[in-house]
N, C-alpha and C. Protein backbone atom coordinates (compact mmCIF):
# COMPACT_ATOMS: atom_id res chain seq x y z
N MET A 1 -63.27 235.45 45.57
CA MET A 1 -63.56 235.72 44.22
C MET A 1 -62.58 237.04 43.56
N LEU A 2 -62.88 237.62 44.45
CA LEU A 2 -61.92 238.50 44.99
C LEU A 2 -60.83 238.83 44.04
N ARG A 3 -60.13 238.33 45.16
CA ARG A 3 -58.23 237.50 44.76
C ARG A 3 -58.15 237.35 44.11
N ASN A 4 -59.08 236.12 42.71
CA ASN A 4 -59.13 235.95 41.87
C ASN A 4 -59.08 237.09 40.74
N ALA A 5 -59.62 237.51 40.87
CA ALA A 5 -59.69 238.90 39.54
C ALA A 5 -58.65 239.71 39.89
N ALA A 6 -58.39 239.62 41.27
CA ALA A 6 -56.88 240.23 41.42
C ALA A 6 -55.40 240.50 40.90
N ARG A 7 -55.78 238.45 41.32
CA ARG A 7 -54.74 238.50 40.29
C ARG A 7 -54.18 238.23 38.77
N ARG A 8 -55.98 238.16 38.02
CA ARG A 8 -55.82 237.59 36.65
C ARG A 8 -55.11 239.45 36.12
N ARG A 9 -56.39 240.38 37.41
CA ARG A 9 -55.97 241.23 36.60
C ARG A 9 -54.40 242.43 37.21
N ASP A 10 -53.48 241.11 37.41
CA ASP A 10 -51.82 241.74 37.85
C ASP A 10 -50.85 240.06 37.40
N LEU A 11 -51.61 239.46 36.55
CA LEU A 11 -51.02 239.12 35.51
C LEU A 11 -51.71 239.74 33.96
N ILE A 12 -52.37 239.88 33.43
CA ILE A 12 -52.36 241.03 32.28
C ILE A 12 -51.73 242.64 32.58
N ARG A 13 -51.42 242.48 33.60
CA ARG A 13 -50.87 243.29 33.59
C ARG A 13 -49.30 243.47 33.16
N ALA A 14 -48.95 242.60 33.82
CA ALA A 14 -47.91 242.46 34.19
C ALA A 14 -47.00 241.58 32.42
N PHE A 15 -47.79 240.96 31.93
CA PHE A 15 -47.72 240.21 29.99
C PHE A 15 -47.66 241.85 30.08
N LYS A 16 -48.74 242.32 29.53
CA LYS A 16 -49.28 243.96 28.51
C LYS A 16 -47.64 244.73 28.73
N THR A 17 -46.72 244.87 29.98
CA THR A 17 -45.93 245.90 30.05
C THR A 17 -44.40 245.01 29.91
N ALA A 18 -44.49 244.00 30.34
CA ALA A 18 -43.65 242.75 29.66
C ALA A 18 -43.72 242.94 27.34
N LYS A 19 -43.85 242.51 27.48
CA LYS A 19 -44.48 242.60 25.59
C LYS A 19 -44.31 244.38 25.26
N ALA A 20 -44.60 245.10 26.08
CA ALA A 20 -44.22 246.34 25.29
C ALA A 20 -42.46 247.17 25.91
N GLU A 21 -42.00 245.92 26.61
CA GLU A 21 -40.30 245.81 27.23
C GLU A 21 -40.35 245.38 25.83
N GLY A 22 -40.35 244.70 25.13
CA GLY A 22 -40.45 243.35 24.35
C GLY A 22 -39.76 242.34 25.01
N ALA A 23 -40.21 242.00 26.72
CA ALA A 23 -39.53 241.05 27.09
C ALA A 23 -40.63 239.52 26.82
N LYS A 24 -40.15 238.03 26.84
CA LYS A 24 -41.18 237.81 26.46
C LYS A 24 -41.74 237.87 29.02
N PRO A 25 -42.60 238.02 28.59
CA PRO A 25 -43.44 237.60 29.33
C PRO A 25 -43.49 236.25 30.05
N PRO A 26 -42.80 236.97 31.75
CA PRO A 26 -43.27 235.93 33.09
C PRO A 26 -44.70 234.57 33.24
N LEU A 27 -44.94 233.50 32.37
CA LEU A 27 -45.58 232.67 33.08
C LEU A 27 -45.44 231.63 33.02
N LYS A 28 -45.64 231.05 34.83
CA LYS A 28 -45.32 230.01 35.60
C LYS A 28 -45.87 228.36 34.16
N TYR A 29 -45.55 227.50 34.51
CA TYR A 29 -45.98 226.52 34.09
C TYR A 29 -46.32 226.61 33.14
N LEU A 30 -46.00 227.14 31.72
CA LEU A 30 -46.45 227.21 30.21
C LEU A 30 -45.44 226.86 29.76
N GLN A 31 -45.94 226.05 28.62
CA GLN A 31 -45.50 225.57 27.45
C GLN A 31 -46.68 225.36 26.33
N SER A 32 -44.90 226.07 25.03
CA SER A 32 -45.97 226.50 23.68
C SER A 32 -45.24 225.86 22.98
N PHE A 33 -45.84 224.72 22.52
CA PHE A 33 -44.68 224.17 20.88
C PHE A 33 -45.27 224.79 20.05
N ARG A 34 -45.15 224.19 17.95
CA ARG A 34 -45.73 224.79 16.92
C ARG A 34 -45.74 222.22 16.81
N ASP A 35 -47.02 222.40 16.64
CA ASP A 35 -46.87 221.14 16.34
C ASP A 35 -47.27 220.93 14.30
N ARG A 36 -46.91 219.42 14.14
CA ARG A 36 -46.75 219.45 12.60
C ARG A 36 -47.27 219.79 11.87
N HIS A 37 -48.88 221.08 11.67
CA HIS A 37 -48.97 221.09 11.10
C HIS A 37 -49.51 223.10 11.50
N GLY A 38 -47.64 223.06 12.00
CA GLY A 38 -47.83 224.48 12.07
C GLY A 38 -48.23 225.55 13.82
N LYS A 39 -49.34 224.78 13.90
CA LYS A 39 -50.35 225.36 14.63
C LYS A 39 -49.48 224.98 15.96
N THR A 40 -49.35 226.59 17.09
CA THR A 40 -48.94 227.01 18.17
C THR A 40 -49.40 226.80 18.49
N ARG A 41 -48.80 225.50 19.94
CA ARG A 41 -50.08 225.28 20.94
C ARG A 41 -49.68 225.54 22.33
N ASN A 42 -49.95 225.95 23.47
CA ASN A 42 -49.95 226.01 24.56
C ASN A 42 -50.92 225.20 24.86
N TYR A 43 -50.03 225.09 26.93
CA TYR A 43 -50.48 223.96 27.22
C TYR A 43 -49.82 224.43 28.85
N PHE A 44 -50.66 224.40 29.96
CA PHE A 44 -50.45 224.09 31.18
C PHE A 44 -49.88 223.05 32.02
N ARG A 45 -48.33 223.11 32.66
CA ARG A 45 -47.84 222.09 33.15
C ARG A 45 -47.01 222.56 33.90
N ARG A 46 -48.07 221.88 35.49
CA ARG A 46 -47.43 222.10 37.23
C ARG A 46 -47.03 220.58 37.46
N PRO A 47 -46.38 220.31 37.78
CA PRO A 47 -46.00 219.15 38.12
C PRO A 47 -47.04 218.87 39.35
N GLY A 48 -46.70 217.45 39.47
CA GLY A 48 -47.72 216.27 39.54
C GLY A 48 -49.52 217.27 39.61
N CYS A 49 -49.15 218.18 38.41
CA CYS A 49 -50.93 217.81 38.28
C CYS A 49 -51.89 217.50 36.64
N LYS A 50 -52.68 217.80 36.47
CA LYS A 50 -53.41 217.94 35.02
C LYS A 50 -52.82 218.03 33.71
N THR A 51 -52.87 218.31 32.80
CA THR A 51 -52.51 219.32 31.68
C THR A 51 -53.65 220.00 31.23
N VAL A 52 -53.29 221.32 31.19
CA VAL A 52 -54.45 221.55 30.46
C VAL A 52 -54.28 222.93 29.50
N VAL A 53 -54.88 222.20 28.22
CA VAL A 53 -54.48 223.32 27.19
C VAL A 53 -55.76 224.13 27.11
N LEU A 54 -54.70 225.47 26.79
CA LEU A 54 -55.07 227.24 27.48
C LEU A 54 -55.90 227.43 26.15
N PRO A 55 -56.52 228.04 25.56
CA PRO A 55 -57.08 228.65 24.36
C PRO A 55 -56.89 229.48 24.63
N GLY A 56 -56.95 230.22 22.85
CA GLY A 56 -56.07 231.56 22.45
C GLY A 56 -54.50 231.43 22.04
N LEU A 57 -54.34 233.14 21.84
CA LEU A 57 -52.91 233.12 22.10
C LEU A 57 -52.89 233.57 23.56
N PRO A 58 -51.11 233.46 23.40
CA PRO A 58 -51.10 234.34 24.78
C PRO A 58 -50.61 236.00 24.56
N GLY A 59 -51.82 235.67 25.81
CA GLY A 59 -52.20 237.60 26.22
C GLY A 59 -52.74 238.23 25.70
N SER A 60 -53.81 237.56 24.78
CA SER A 60 -55.83 237.51 24.62
C SER A 60 -56.46 237.16 25.54
N ALA A 61 -56.96 237.97 26.43
CA ALA A 61 -57.91 238.18 27.23
C ALA A 61 -58.73 237.06 27.88
N GLU A 62 -58.91 235.80 26.76
CA GLU A 62 -58.81 234.41 26.41
C GLU A 62 -58.01 233.71 27.15
N PHE A 63 -56.97 233.73 26.74
CA PHE A 63 -55.88 233.03 27.23
C PHE A 63 -55.13 233.65 28.71
N MET A 64 -55.68 234.77 29.08
CA MET A 64 -54.97 235.00 30.29
C MET A 64 -55.61 234.97 31.13
N GLU A 65 -57.57 234.95 31.14
CA GLU A 65 -58.31 234.50 31.45
C GLU A 65 -58.66 232.79 32.83
N ALA A 66 -58.30 232.15 31.02
CA ALA A 66 -57.52 230.72 31.27
C ALA A 66 -56.13 230.68 32.13
N TYR A 67 -55.94 231.34 32.45
CA TYR A 67 -54.68 230.68 32.76
C TYR A 67 -53.80 231.47 34.18
N ALA A 68 -54.50 232.34 34.88
CA ALA A 68 -55.28 232.63 35.67
C ALA A 68 -56.18 231.81 36.44
N ALA A 69 -56.95 231.03 35.67
CA ALA A 69 -58.25 230.21 36.38
C ALA A 69 -56.93 229.13 37.08
N VAL A 70 -56.38 228.39 36.31
CA VAL A 70 -55.92 227.77 35.99
C VAL A 70 -54.76 227.92 37.15
N LEU A 71 -53.99 228.70 36.84
CA LEU A 71 -53.01 229.31 38.41
C LEU A 71 -53.49 229.19 39.66
N GLY A 72 -54.56 229.03 39.32
CA GLY A 72 -55.86 229.75 40.70
C GLY A 72 -56.22 228.27 41.38
N GLY A 73 -56.08 227.69 40.72
CA GLY A 73 -57.36 225.94 40.72
C GLY A 73 -57.76 225.69 40.21
N GLU A 74 -59.17 225.91 39.31
CA GLU A 74 -60.57 226.15 39.15
C GLU A 74 -59.89 225.54 37.67
N PRO A 75 -61.12 224.86 37.34
CA PRO A 75 -60.92 224.02 36.52
C PRO A 75 -61.69 224.90 34.88
N VAL A 76 -61.01 224.55 34.16
CA VAL A 76 -61.21 225.78 32.14
C VAL A 76 -61.70 224.20 31.83
N LEU A 77 -63.08 224.70 31.13
CA LEU A 77 -64.85 223.18 30.82
C LEU A 77 -64.03 224.26 28.95
N ARG A 78 -63.64 223.77 28.81
CA ARG A 78 -63.60 223.45 26.70
C ARG A 78 -65.26 222.22 26.27
N ILE A 79 -65.78 224.05 25.81
CA ILE A 79 -66.87 223.41 24.74
C ILE A 79 -66.47 222.80 23.76
N ARG A 80 -66.96 222.00 22.94
CA ARG A 80 -66.05 220.56 22.36
C ARG A 80 -67.68 221.07 21.75
N PRO A 81 -68.32 220.66 20.09
CA PRO A 81 -69.24 221.19 19.53
C PRO A 81 -69.53 219.89 19.70
N GLU A 82 -71.42 218.93 19.41
CA GLU A 82 -71.75 217.57 19.78
C GLU A 82 -71.35 217.15 18.28
N LYS A 83 -71.30 216.20 18.37
CA LYS A 83 -70.76 214.87 16.55
C LYS A 83 -72.12 214.84 16.48
N ARG A 84 -73.14 214.67 15.94
CA ARG A 84 -74.39 214.48 15.42
C ARG A 84 -74.67 213.75 14.55
N LYS A 85 -75.00 212.07 15.31
CA LYS A 85 -75.03 211.38 14.88
C LYS A 85 -76.65 210.74 13.83
N GLU A 86 -76.75 210.31 13.10
CA GLU A 86 -77.85 210.17 11.92
C GLU A 86 -78.39 208.54 11.88
N LEU A 87 -79.66 208.29 11.48
CA LEU A 87 -80.22 207.11 11.66
C LEU A 87 -80.41 207.64 10.04
N TYR A 88 -79.90 206.00 9.51
CA TYR A 88 -80.21 206.00 8.62
C TYR A 88 -80.71 204.43 8.20
N ILE A 89 -81.47 204.19 6.91
CA ILE A 89 -81.63 202.85 6.48
C ILE A 89 -81.74 202.27 4.71
N ILE A 90 -80.55 201.81 4.76
CA ILE A 90 -79.89 200.72 3.87
C ILE A 90 -81.35 200.15 3.18
N ARG A 91 -81.40 199.76 1.51
CA ARG A 91 -82.17 199.21 1.16
C ARG A 91 -80.99 198.43 -0.05
N ALA A 92 -80.75 196.64 0.60
CA ALA A 92 -80.02 195.88 -0.29
C ALA A 92 -80.68 196.17 -1.97
N GLY A 93 -80.51 196.56 -3.54
CA GLY A 93 -80.64 196.00 -4.24
C GLY A 93 -82.61 196.58 -4.75
N LYS A 94 -83.15 195.40 -5.23
CA LYS A 94 -84.75 195.82 -5.22
C LYS A 94 -84.89 194.61 -4.13
N SER A 95 -84.82 194.16 -3.46
CA SER A 95 -85.56 193.33 -2.24
C SER A 95 -85.52 193.84 -1.07
N SER A 96 -86.72 193.23 -0.49
CA SER A 96 -86.80 193.39 0.71
C SER A 96 -85.91 193.10 1.74
N LEU A 97 -84.62 193.62 1.61
CA LEU A 97 -83.87 193.49 3.21
C LEU A 97 -83.53 194.86 3.20
N PHE A 98 -83.75 195.28 4.21
CA PHE A 98 -82.56 196.19 4.57
C PHE A 98 -81.78 196.67 6.05
N LYS A 99 -81.23 196.83 5.91
CA LYS A 99 -80.25 197.58 7.11
C LYS A 99 -80.23 199.53 7.81
N ILE A 100 -81.04 199.03 8.56
CA ILE A 100 -81.57 200.00 9.90
C ILE A 100 -79.88 200.81 10.78
N GLY A 101 -79.92 201.56 11.09
CA GLY A 101 -77.80 202.24 12.14
C GLY A 101 -77.52 202.98 12.05
N VAL A 102 -77.26 203.22 12.72
CA VAL A 102 -76.61 205.06 13.13
C VAL A 102 -75.27 204.54 12.86
N SER A 103 -75.48 205.91 11.97
CA SER A 103 -73.79 206.79 12.02
C SER A 103 -73.56 208.36 11.73
N ARG A 104 -72.98 209.01 12.50
CA ARG A 104 -72.10 210.31 12.24
C ARG A 104 -72.18 210.30 10.57
N ALA A 105 -71.80 209.42 9.67
CA ALA A 105 -71.81 209.29 8.40
C ALA A 105 -72.54 208.77 7.10
N PRO A 106 -73.82 208.79 6.42
CA PRO A 106 -74.47 207.48 6.07
C PRO A 106 -73.43 207.07 5.07
N GLY A 107 -73.69 208.15 4.36
CA GLY A 107 -73.00 208.07 3.11
C GLY A 107 -71.53 207.37 3.16
N ASN A 108 -70.80 207.32 4.00
CA ASN A 108 -69.55 206.26 3.79
C ASN A 108 -69.87 204.98 4.72
N ARG A 109 -71.09 205.17 5.98
CA ARG A 109 -70.98 203.61 5.59
C ARG A 109 -71.28 203.27 4.91
N LEU A 110 -72.41 203.29 4.03
CA LEU A 110 -73.13 203.45 2.77
C LEU A 110 -71.62 202.29 1.49
N ARG A 111 -70.77 203.48 1.52
CA ARG A 111 -69.50 202.44 0.78
C ARG A 111 -68.56 201.42 1.59
N GLU A 112 -68.64 201.50 2.94
CA GLU A 112 -68.05 200.51 3.51
C GLU A 112 -68.85 199.15 3.16
N LEU A 113 -70.29 198.69 3.79
CA LEU A 113 -71.74 198.18 3.08
C LEU A 113 -71.06 197.22 1.86
N GLN A 114 -70.76 198.60 0.26
CA GLN A 114 -70.90 198.61 -0.77
C GLN A 114 -70.17 197.67 -0.42
N THR A 115 -68.72 197.12 -0.06
CA THR A 115 -67.70 196.86 -0.65
C THR A 115 -67.91 194.59 -0.35
N GLY A 116 -68.93 194.23 0.64
CA GLY A 116 -69.04 193.23 0.52
C GLY A 116 -70.40 192.69 0.78
N ALA A 117 -71.21 193.57 0.00
CA ALA A 117 -72.30 193.71 -0.73
C ALA A 117 -72.40 192.99 -1.96
N ALA A 118 -72.89 191.73 -2.81
CA ALA A 118 -73.31 191.33 -3.87
C ALA A 118 -73.95 191.74 -4.76
N SER A 119 -75.24 192.38 -4.49
CA SER A 119 -76.03 193.53 -4.75
C SER A 119 -76.09 194.66 -4.55
N PRO A 120 -76.22 195.56 -5.23
CA PRO A 120 -75.66 196.98 -5.24
C PRO A 120 -76.69 197.52 -4.25
N LEU A 121 -76.21 198.99 -2.97
CA LEU A 121 -76.75 199.05 -2.26
C LEU A 121 -78.13 200.33 -2.31
N GLU A 122 -78.61 200.64 -1.85
CA GLU A 122 -79.17 202.10 -1.86
C GLU A 122 -79.09 202.45 -0.56
N LEU A 123 -78.94 204.04 -0.26
CA LEU A 123 -79.60 204.58 0.64
C LEU A 123 -81.08 205.79 0.56
N ILE A 124 -82.19 204.78 1.55
CA ILE A 124 -83.24 204.90 1.19
C ILE A 124 -83.72 206.22 2.51
N ALA A 125 -82.78 206.64 3.38
CA ALA A 125 -83.15 208.06 4.30
C ALA A 125 -82.63 208.43 5.51
N ALA A 126 -81.64 209.09 5.86
CA ALA A 126 -81.04 209.75 6.54
C ALA A 126 -81.84 210.51 7.59
N LEU A 127 -81.92 210.28 8.90
CA LEU A 127 -83.27 211.33 10.05
C LEU A 127 -81.74 211.54 10.43
N ALA A 128 -81.77 212.69 10.80
CA ALA A 128 -80.70 213.43 12.53
C ALA A 128 -80.95 213.18 13.11
N GLY A 129 -80.65 212.73 14.76
CA GLY A 129 -80.96 213.07 15.81
C GLY A 129 -79.86 213.73 16.76
């Protein structure tokens, strides 16, 4: 663990030195490109290993920690927000026909179902879960 911490410090120091001198820092296996939306993407691509998305901007503390961890063989975990699903109840007109289901967007699901229904549909309830 101490060796990895020293390696991280050395990488951050080398990056800051190169940045101060106006040169591009020497980071192995780093590939950066601008996607079609104009966002810069940074990938760690070592031959024979899985491609890893690096968070943050090159030179930031978050980026350098992730880079040093991947370079040392440690996995980098990306925490993604959990997509919540909702339980919905839809009624067909004034009848006693109900549809109960689960969807991330009950309003969109209502519109989808309405295209194939003869009578107007009504969203009775949507419960987050």
